[in-house]
Amino acid sequence: MMCSSANATKQSIKVPVNVTTFTSAVVYAYNPQNLLLSYGLAILGSTIAIAFGLFAMWKNGACYDNRMSTFGTAMQGFDASANGKDILD
């Protein structure tokens, strides 16, 4: 037997229920020392990485640009006979 929505509404009983709710708030405590520490460490780490990269470029004596042939040369290995020049030039 199927119930129509009008029939179902007549059959439902409303019972009052006590409900307790909690409202939480996100509290952010700004601490400039933590911010300076994290940014300082990030800048220090990136400066060290740049220094290593510049040292590697100076030590290898090779100059690269952003052409596709440079990426291909780097993937295949540096050819000492090219003397740091692009092999397609």
Protein backbone atom coordinates (compact mmCIF):
# COMPACT_ATOMS: atom_id res chain seq x y z
CA MET A 1 0.00 0.00 0.00
CA MET A 2 1.37 3.37 -1.03
CA CYS A 3 1.04 6.46 1.14
CA SER A 4 0.39 9.80 -0.42
CA SER A 5 2.31 12.80 0.88
CA ALA A 6 -0.87 14.23 2.42
CA ASN A 7 -1.48 10.96 4.24
CA ALA A 8 2.16 10.80 5.44
CA THR A 9 1.91 14.32 6.86
CA LYS A 10 -1.16 13.42 8.84
CA GLN A 11 0.61 10.36 10.29
CA SER A 12 3.77 12.15 11.46
CA ILE A 13 3.92 13.20 15.06
CA LYS A 14 5.89 16.26 16.13
CA VAL A 15 7.82 15.74 19.32
CA PRO A 16 9.70 18.65 20.91
CA VAL A 17 13.39 17.86 21.42
CA ASN A 18 16.02 19.81 23.32
CA VAL A 19 19.06 20.58 21.18
CA THR A 20 22.37 21.91 22.42
CA THR A 21 24.65 23.62 19.90
CA PHE A 22 28.20 24.83 20.21
CA THR A 23 29.66 27.63 18.17
CA SER A 24 33.40 27.54 17.78
CA ALA A 25 35.57 30.40 16.62
CA VAL A 26 39.00 30.16 15.04
CA VAL A 27 41.40 32.26 17.05
CA TYR A 28 44.60 33.26 15.25
CA ALA A 29 47.52 34.44 17.31
CA TYR A 30 49.89 36.48 15.16
CA ASN A 31 53.50 36.06 16.19
CA PRO A 32 55.93 38.12 14.08
CA GLN A 33 58.95 36.15 15.33
CA ASN A 34 57.63 32.93 13.77
CA LEU A 35 56.93 34.76 10.52
CA LEU A 36 60.41 36.26 10.41
CA LEU A 37 61.97 32.90 11.27
CA SER A 38 60.13 31.02 8.52
CA TYR A 39 60.78 33.67 5.87
CA GLY A 40 64.39 34.01 6.96
CA LEU A 41 64.99 30.27 6.66
CA ALA A 42 63.31 30.21 3.24
CA ILE A 43 65.47 33.08 1.99
CA LEU A 44 68.60 31.48 3.43
CA GLY A 45 67.81 28.13 1.80
CA SER A 46 67.11 29.67 -1.61
CA THR A 47 70.29 31.79 -1.41
CA ILE A 48 72.35 28.68 -0.66
CA ALA A 49 70.73 26.84 -3.60
CA ILE A 50 71.44 29.76 -5.94
CA ALA A 51 75.04 29.89 -4.73
CA PHE A 52 75.50 26.17 -5.43
CA GLY A 53 73.98 26.62 -8.89
CA LEU A 54 76.22 29.57 -9.73
CA PHE A 55 79.25 27.65 -8.47
CA ALA A 56 78.31 24.66 -10.64
CA MET A 57 77.93 26.91 -13.70
CA TRP A 58 81.31 28.53 -13.00
CA LYS A 59 83.02 25.18 -12.35
CA ASN A 60 81.62 23.52 -15.49
CA GLY A 61 82.43 26.49 -17.68
CA ALA A 62 79.32 25.89 -19.76
CA CYS A 63 76.77 28.46 -20.80
CA TYR A 64 73.22 27.41 -21.51
CA ASP A 65 70.13 29.18 -22.76
CA ASN A 66 66.47 28.22 -23.04
CA ARG A 67 66.49 26.77 -26.55
CA MET A 68 65.27 23.22 -27.11
CA SER A 69 68.68 22.06 -28.29
CA THR A 70 70.18 23.05 -24.93
CA PHE A 71 67.70 20.84 -23.10
CA GLY A 72 68.46 18.00 -25.51
CA THR A 73 72.18 18.40 -24.92
CA ALA A 74 71.68 18.38 -21.17
CA MET A 75 69.59 15.21 -21.38
CA GLN A 76 72.16 13.42 -23.53
CA GLY A 77 75.20 14.60 -21.60
CA PHE A 78 77.60 17.47 -22.11
CA ASP A 79 79.90 17.10 -25.12
CA ALA A 80 83.33 18.47 -24.22
CA SER A 81 84.16 19.02 -27.90
CA ALA A 82 81.39 21.63 -28.17
CA ASN A 83 83.30 23.88 -25.72
CA GLY A 84 80.11 25.08 -24.07
CA LYS A 85 78.52 26.19 -27.36
CA ASP A 86 75.21 25.00 -28.71
CA ILE A 87 75.85 21.91 -30.85
CA LEU A 88 73.36 23.10 -33.47
CA ASP A 89 75.12 26.44 -34.07
